[in-house]
Amino acid sequence: MQDNAPDHRAKATELELDRRGVKKIFWPPYSPDLNPIEHVWNLMKDWIQEQYPEYEKGKISYKLLRKMV
């Protein structure tokens, strides 16, 4: 499933998918209604904000986020 993310558009990714014979399905970017994982990310974000209200939205380090989840 391709949604136009930079990693999906990388030449190396395209070549590897072609080499393996993977048929690509293209999705519009940022389309939560078509991509179920977006619903999961939203649930996770909501849970983190509820459990850790002292952290300002968008101000959590990756290391701390890994500990929270």
PDB file of N, CA and C in Angstrom:
ATOM      1  N   MET A   1       0.853  -1.162   0.000  1.00  0.00           N
ATOM      2  CA  MET A   1       0.000   0.000   0.000  1.00  0.00           C
ATOM      3  C   MET A   1       0.902   1.229   0.000  1.00  0.00           C
ATOM      4  N   GLN A   2       0.751   2.060  -0.986  1.00  0.00           N
ATOM      5  CA  GLN A   2       1.571   3.252  -1.135  1.00  0.00           C
ATOM      6  C   GLN A   2       0.694   4.485  -0.910  1.00  0.00           C
ATOM      7  N   ASP A   3       1.159   5.404  -0.061  1.00  0.00           N
ATOM      8  CA  ASP A   3       0.378   6.617   0.183  1.00  0.00           C
ATOM      9  C   ASP A   3       1.179   7.874  -0.099  1.00  0.00           C
ATOM     10  N   ASN A   4       2.188   7.751  -0.942  1.00  0.00           N
ATOM     11  CA  ASN A   4       2.994   8.891  -1.375  1.00  0.00           C
ATOM     12  C   ASN A   4       3.938   9.401  -0.298  1.00  0.00           C
ATOM     13  N   ALA A   5       4.136   8.630   0.765  1.00  0.00           N
ATOM     14  CA  ALA A   5       5.126   8.998   1.780  1.00  0.00           C
ATOM     15  C   ALA A   5       6.514   8.947   1.135  1.00  0.00           C
ATOM     16  N   PRO A   6       7.457   9.771   1.593  1.00  0.00           N
ATOM     17  CA  PRO A   6       8.794   9.797   0.987  1.00  0.00           C
ATOM     18  C   PRO A   6       9.471   8.427   0.921  1.00  0.00           C
ATOM     19  N   ASP A   7       9.308   7.629   1.971  1.00  0.00           N
ATOM     20  CA  ASP A   7       9.919   6.293   1.951  1.00  0.00           C
ATOM     21  C   ASP A   7       9.321   5.416   0.860  1.00  0.00           C
ATOM     22  N   HIS A   8       8.060   5.601   0.593  1.00  0.00           N
ATOM     23  CA  HIS A   8       7.397   4.793  -0.430  1.00  0.00           C
ATOM     24  C   HIS A   8       7.801   5.222  -1.831  1.00  0.00           C
ATOM     25  N   ARG A   9       8.176   6.497  -1.987  1.00  0.00           N
ATOM     26  CA  ARG A   9       8.550   7.016  -3.303  1.00  0.00           C
ATOM     27  C   ARG A   9      10.031   6.863  -3.606  1.00  0.00           C
ATOM     28  N   ALA A  10      10.814   6.456  -2.618  1.00  0.00           N
ATOM     29  CA  ALA A  10      12.262   6.339  -2.812  1.00  0.00           C
ATOM     30  C   ALA A  10      12.558   5.368  -3.952  1.00  0.00           C
ATOM     31  N   LYS A  11      13.534   5.718  -4.759  1.00  0.00           N
ATOM     32  CA  LYS A  11      13.899   4.887  -5.909  1.00  0.00           C
ATOM     33  C   LYS A  11      14.271   3.467  -5.475  1.00  0.00           C
ATOM     34  N   ALA A  12      15.025   3.358  -4.373  1.00  0.00           N
ATOM     35  CA  ALA A  12      15.422   2.035  -3.888  1.00  0.00           C
ATOM     36  C   ALA A  12      14.195   1.197  -3.515  1.00  0.00           C
ATOM     37  N   THR A  13      13.198   1.825  -2.922  1.00  0.00           N
ATOM     38  CA  THR A  13      11.971   1.114  -2.560  1.00  0.00           C
ATOM     39  C   THR A  13      11.243   0.654  -3.808  1.00  0.00           C
ATOM     40  N   GLU A  14      11.107   1.559  -4.769  1.00  0.00           N
ATOM     41  CA  GLU A  14      10.438   1.209  -6.021  1.00  0.00           C
ATOM     42  C   GLU A  14      11.143   0.035  -6.706  1.00  0.00           C
ATOM     43  N   LEU A  15      12.455   0.090  -6.781  1.00  0.00           N
ATOM     44  CA  LEU A  15      13.224  -0.974  -7.425  1.00  0.00           C
ATOM     45  C   LEU A  15      13.056  -2.308  -6.692  1.00  0.00           C
ATOM     46  N   GLU A  16      13.080  -2.259  -5.358  1.00  0.00           N
ATOM     47  CA  GLU A  16      12.944  -3.500  -4.582  1.00  0.00           C
ATOM     48  C   GLU A  16      11.554  -4.101  -4.748  1.00  0.00           C
ATOM     49  N   LEU A  17      10.523  -3.275  -4.728  1.00  0.00           N
ATOM     50  CA  LEU A  17       9.166  -3.779  -4.934  1.00  0.00           C
ATOM     51  C   LEU A  17       9.035  -4.394  -6.325  1.00  0.00           C
ATOM     52  N   ASP A  18       9.603  -3.730  -7.333  1.00  0.00           N
ATOM     53  CA  ASP A  18       9.565  -4.263  -8.697  1.00  0.00           C
ATOM     54  C   ASP A  18      10.329  -5.583  -8.777  1.00  0.00           C
ATOM     55  N   ARG A  19      11.490  -5.633  -8.150  1.00  0.00           N
ATOM     56  CA  ARG A  19      12.318  -6.839  -8.177  1.00  0.00           C
ATOM     57  C   ARG A  19      11.568  -8.033  -7.579  1.00  0.00           C
ATOM     58  N   ARG A  20      10.794  -7.774  -6.523  1.00  0.00           N
ATOM     59  CA  ARG A  20      10.057  -8.848  -5.856  1.00  0.00           C
ATOM     60  C   ARG A  20       8.696  -9.124  -6.493  1.00  0.00           C
ATOM     61  N   GLY A  21       8.349  -8.330  -7.495  1.00  0.00           N
ATOM     62  CA  GLY A  21       7.072  -8.534  -8.172  1.00  0.00           C
ATOM     63  C   GLY A  21       5.870  -8.109  -7.361  1.00  0.00           C
ATOM     64  N   VAL A  22       6.078  -7.154  -6.449  1.00  0.00           N
ATOM     65  CA  VAL A  22       4.986  -6.676  -5.599  1.00  0.00           C
ATOM     66  C   VAL A  22       4.125  -5.698  -6.388  1.00  0.00           C
ATOM     67  N   LYS A  23       2.842  -5.992  -6.446  1.00  0.00           N
ATOM     68  CA  LYS A  23       1.907  -5.096  -7.111  1.00  0.00           C
ATOM     69  C   LYS A  23       1.574  -3.962  -6.146  1.00  0.00           C
ATOM     70  N   LYS A  24       1.754  -2.745  -6.595  1.00  0.00           N
ATOM     71  CA  LYS A  24       1.538  -1.581  -5.731  1.00  0.00           C
ATOM     72  C   LYS A  24       0.088  -1.110  -5.797  1.00  0.00           C
ATOM     73  N   ILE A  25      -0.423  -0.746  -4.636  1.00  0.00           N
ATOM     74  CA  ILE A  25      -1.747  -0.145  -4.540  1.00  0.00           C
ATOM     75  C   ILE A  25      -1.531   1.274  -4.044  1.00  0.00           C
ATOM     76  N   PHE A  26      -2.012   2.238  -4.780  1.00  0.00           N
ATOM     77  CA  PHE A  26      -1.789   3.635  -4.410  1.00  0.00           C
ATOM     78  C   PHE A  26      -3.004   4.191  -3.675  1.00  0.00           C
ATOM     79  N   TRP A  27      -2.741   4.865  -2.565  1.00  0.00           N
ATOM     80  CA  TRP A  27      -3.775   5.489  -1.744  1.00  0.00           C
ATOM     81  C   TRP A  27      -3.501   6.973  -1.681  1.00  0.00           C
ATOM     82  N   PRO A  28      -4.547   7.762  -1.551  1.00  0.00           N
ATOM     83  CA  PRO A  28      -4.324   9.194  -1.346  1.00  0.00           C
ATOM     84  C   PRO A  28      -3.624   9.424  -0.007  1.00  0.00           C
ATOM     85  N   PRO A  29      -2.721  10.403   0.068  1.00  0.00           N
ATOM     86  CA  PRO A  29      -2.062  10.664   1.350  1.00  0.00           C
ATOM     87  C   PRO A  29      -3.063  11.168   2.393  1.00  0.00           C
ATOM     88  N   TYR A  30      -2.793  10.813   3.639  1.00  0.00           N
ATOM     89  CA  TYR A  30      -3.605  11.284   4.768  1.00  0.00           C
ATOM     90  C   TYR A  30      -5.087  10.963   4.589  1.00  0.00           C
ATOM     91  N   SER A  31      -5.369   9.716   4.303  1.00  0.00           N
ATOM     92  CA  SER A  31      -6.760   9.321   4.105  1.00  0.00           C
ATOM     93  C   SER A  31      -7.141   8.266   5.146  1.00  0.00           C
ATOM     94  N   PRO A  32      -7.431   8.686   6.379  1.00  0.00           N
ATOM     95  CA  PRO A  32      -7.722   7.725   7.441  1.00  0.00           C
ATOM     96  C   PRO A  32      -8.915   6.835   7.141  1.00  0.00           C
ATOM     97  N   ASP A  33      -9.848   7.317   6.337  1.00  0.00           N
ATOM     98  CA  ASP A  33     -11.001   6.496   6.014  1.00  0.00           C
ATOM     99  C   ASP A  33     -10.619   5.302   5.136  1.00  0.00           C
ATOM    100  N   LEU A  34      -9.505   5.396   4.412  1.00  0.00           N
ATOM    101  CA  LEU A  34      -9.061   4.304   3.548  1.00  0.00           C
ATOM    102  C   LEU A  34      -7.932   3.484   4.161  1.00  0.00           C
ATOM    103  N   ASN A  35      -7.306   4.002   5.186  1.00  0.00           N
ATOM    104  CA  ASN A  35      -6.152   3.338   5.768  1.00  0.00           C
ATOM    105  C   ASN A  35      -6.428   3.066   7.248  1.00  0.00           C
ATOM    106  N   PRO A  36      -6.802   1.852   7.609  1.00  0.00           N
ATOM    107  CA  PRO A  36      -7.204   1.540   8.998  1.00  0.00           C
ATOM    108  C   PRO A  36      -6.141   1.845  10.048  1.00  0.00           C
ATOM    109  N   ILE A  37      -4.862   1.798   9.698  1.00  0.00           N
ATOM    110  CA  ILE A  37      -3.822   2.054  10.705  1.00  0.00           C
ATOM    111  C   ILE A  37      -3.912   3.491  11.224  1.00  0.00           C
ATOM    112  N   GLU A  38      -4.436   4.402  10.417  1.00  0.00           N
ATOM    113  CA  GLU A  38      -4.581   5.785  10.867  1.00  0.00           C
ATOM    114  C   GLU A  38      -5.512   5.868  12.071  1.00  0.00           C
ATOM    115  N   HIS A  39      -6.522   5.015  12.118  1.00  0.00           N
ATOM    116  CA  HIS A  39      -7.427   4.990  13.272  1.00  0.00           C
ATOM    117  C   HIS A  39      -6.675   4.528  14.524  1.00  0.00           C
ATOM    118  N   VAL A  40      -5.788   3.565  14.354  1.00  0.00           N
ATOM    119  CA  VAL A  40      -4.991   3.071  15.483  1.00  0.00           C
ATOM    120  C   VAL A  40      -4.078   4.177  15.992  1.00  0.00           C
ATOM    121  N   TRP A  41      -3.411   4.892  15.078  1.00  0.00           N
ATOM    122  CA  TRP A  41      -2.522   5.988  15.508  1.00  0.00           C
ATOM    123  C   TRP A  41      -3.323   7.033  16.300  1.00  0.00           C
ATOM    124  N   ASN A  42      -4.517   7.348  15.836  1.00  0.00           N
ATOM    125  CA  ASN A  42      -5.340   8.337  16.550  1.00  0.00           C
ATOM    126  C   ASN A  42      -5.722   7.847  17.941  1.00  0.00           C
ATOM    127  N   LEU A  43      -6.074   6.572  18.066  1.00  0.00           N
ATOM    128  CA  LEU A  43      -6.388   6.011  19.382  1.00  0.00           C
ATOM    129  C   LEU A  43      -5.174   6.076  20.306  1.00  0.00           C
ATOM    130  N   MET A  44      -3.996   5.745  19.764  1.00  0.00           N
ATOM    131  CA  MET A  44      -2.771   5.785  20.569  1.00  0.00           C
ATOM    132  C   MET A  44      -2.464   7.217  21.025  1.00  0.00           C
ATOM    133  N   LYS A  45      -2.600   8.176  20.121  1.00  0.00           N
ATOM    134  CA  LYS A  45      -2.338   9.576  20.475  1.00  0.00           C
ATOM    135  C   LYS A  45      -3.288  10.040  21.576  1.00  0.00           C
ATOM    136  N   ASP A  46      -4.573   9.685  21.427  1.00  0.00           N
ATOM    137  CA  ASP A  46      -5.560  10.073  22.446  1.00  0.00           C
ATOM    138  C   ASP A  46      -5.217   9.459  23.797  1.00  0.00           C
ATOM    139  N   TRP A  47      -4.842   8.169  23.798  1.00  0.00           N
ATOM    140  CA  TRP A  47      -4.497   7.482  25.040  1.00  0.00           C
ATOM    141  C   TRP A  47      -3.294   8.143  25.709  1.00  0.00           C
ATOM    142  N   ILE A  48      -2.278   8.447  24.941  1.00  0.00           N
ATOM    143  CA  ILE A  48      -1.070   9.084  25.499  1.00  0.00           C
ATOM    144  C   ILE A  48      -1.423  10.438  26.097  1.00  0.00           C
ATOM    145  N   GLN A  49      -2.241  11.212  25.391  1.00  0.00           N
ATOM    146  CA  GLN A  49      -2.617  12.532  25.912  1.00  0.00           C
ATOM    147  C   GLN A  49      -3.425  12.414  27.203  1.00  0.00           C
ATOM    148  N   GLU A  50      -4.257  11.386  27.301  1.00  0.00           N
ATOM    149  CA  GLU A  50      -5.031  11.180  28.533  1.00  0.00           C
ATOM    150  C   GLU A  50      -4.151  10.713  29.689  1.00  0.00           C
ATOM    151  N   GLN A  51      -3.211   9.827  29.406  1.00  0.00           N
ATOM    152  CA  GLN A  51      -2.354   9.257  30.440  1.00  0.00           C
ATOM    153  C   GLN A  51      -1.240  10.201  30.881  1.00  0.00           C
ATOM    154  N   TYR A  52      -0.822  11.067  29.993  1.00  0.00           N
ATOM    155  CA  TYR A  52       0.311  11.972  30.263  1.00  0.00           C
ATOM    156  C   TYR A  52      -0.065  13.415  29.911  1.00  0.00           C
ATOM    157  N   PRO A  53      -1.040  13.975  30.604  1.00  0.00           N
ATOM    158  CA  PRO A  53      -1.502  15.329  30.263  1.00  0.00           C
ATOM    159  C   PRO A  53      -0.450  16.415  30.515  1.00  0.00           C
ATOM    160  N   GLU A  54       0.568  16.087  31.315  1.00  0.00           N
ATOM    161  CA  GLU A  54       1.585  17.096  31.618  1.00  0.00           C
ATOM    162  C   GLU A  54       2.498  17.395  30.424  1.00  0.00           C
ATOM    163  N   TYR A  55       2.454  16.556  29.397  1.00  0.00           N
ATOM    164  CA  TYR A  55       3.296  16.781  28.224  1.00  0.00           C
ATOM    165  C   TYR A  55       2.520  17.529  27.158  1.00  0.00           C
ATOM    166  N   GLU A  56       3.115  18.582  26.677  1.00  0.00           N
ATOM    167  CA  GLU A  56       2.490  19.387  25.638  1.00  0.00           C
ATOM    168  C   GLU A  56       2.447  18.582  24.339  1.00  0.00           C
ATOM    169  N   LYS A  57       1.356  18.688  23.624  1.00  0.00           N
ATOM    170  CA  LYS A  57       1.193  17.952  22.365  1.00  0.00           C
ATOM    171  C   LYS A  57       2.357  18.260  21.420  1.00  0.00           C
ATOM    172  N   GLY A  58       2.958  17.208  20.901  1.00  0.00           N
ATOM    173  CA  GLY A  58       4.059  17.374  19.958  1.00  0.00           C
ATOM    174  C   GLY A  58       5.400  17.638  20.596  1.00  0.00           C
ATOM    175  N   LYS A  59       5.491  17.612  21.921  1.00  0.00           N
ATOM    176  CA  LYS A  59       6.735  17.936  22.622  1.00  0.00           C
ATOM    177  C   LYS A  59       7.318  16.725  23.352  1.00  0.00           C
ATOM    178  N   ILE A  60       7.003  15.521  22.875  1.00  0.00           N
ATOM    179  CA  ILE A  60       7.481  14.306  23.524  1.00  0.00           C
ATOM    180  C   ILE A  60       8.596  13.711  22.672  1.00  0.00           C
ATOM    181  N   SER A  61       9.708  13.406  23.302  1.00  0.00           N
ATOM    182  CA  SER A  61      10.826  12.803  22.570  1.00  0.00           C
ATOM    183  C   SER A  61      10.469  11.369  22.163  1.00  0.00           C
ATOM    184  N   TYR A  62      11.132  10.872  21.162  1.00  0.00           N
ATOM    185  CA  TYR A  62      10.891   9.502  20.708  1.00  0.00           C
ATOM    186  C   TYR A  62      11.180   8.514  21.824  1.00  0.00           C
ATOM    187  N   LYS A  63      12.264   8.738  22.547  1.00  0.00           N
ATOM    188  CA  LYS A  63      12.647   7.838  23.640  1.00  0.00           C
ATOM    189  C   LYS A  63      11.536   7.787  24.702  1.00  0.00           C
ATOM    190  N   LEU A  64      11.025   8.936  25.083  1.00  0.00           N
ATOM    191  CA  LEU A  64       9.957   8.993  26.080  1.00  0.00           C
ATOM    192  C   LEU A  64       8.676   8.367  25.540  1.00  0.00           C
ATOM    193  N   LEU A  65       8.394   8.620  24.286  1.00  0.00           N
ATOM    194  CA  LEU A  65       7.198   8.034  23.678  1.00  0.00           C
ATOM    195  C   LEU A  65       7.273   6.513  23.715  1.00  0.00           C
ATOM    196  N   ARG A  66       8.440   5.944  23.435  1.00  0.00           N
ATOM    197  CA  ARG A  66       8.593   4.489  23.479  1.00  0.00           C
ATOM    198  C   ARG A  66       8.337   3.955  24.887  1.00  0.00           C
ATOM    199  N   LYS A  67       8.779   4.708  25.884  1.00  0.00           N
ATOM    200  CA  LYS A  67       8.565   4.295  27.281  1.00  0.00           C
ATOM    201  C   LYS A  67       7.071   4.357  27.626  1.00  0.00           C
ATOM    202  N   MET A  68       6.368   5.386  27.127  1.00  0.00           N
ATOM    203  CA  MET A  68       4.953   5.544  27.418  1.00  0.00           C
ATOM    204  C   MET A  68       4.120   4.402  26.844  1.00  0.00           C
ATOM    205  N   VAL A  69       4.460   4.012  25.653  1.00  0.00           N
ATOM    206  CA  VAL A  69       3.678   2.976  24.958  1.00  0.00           C
ATOM    207  C   VAL A  69       4.148   1.632  25.412  1.00  0.00           C
TER     208      VAL A  69
END
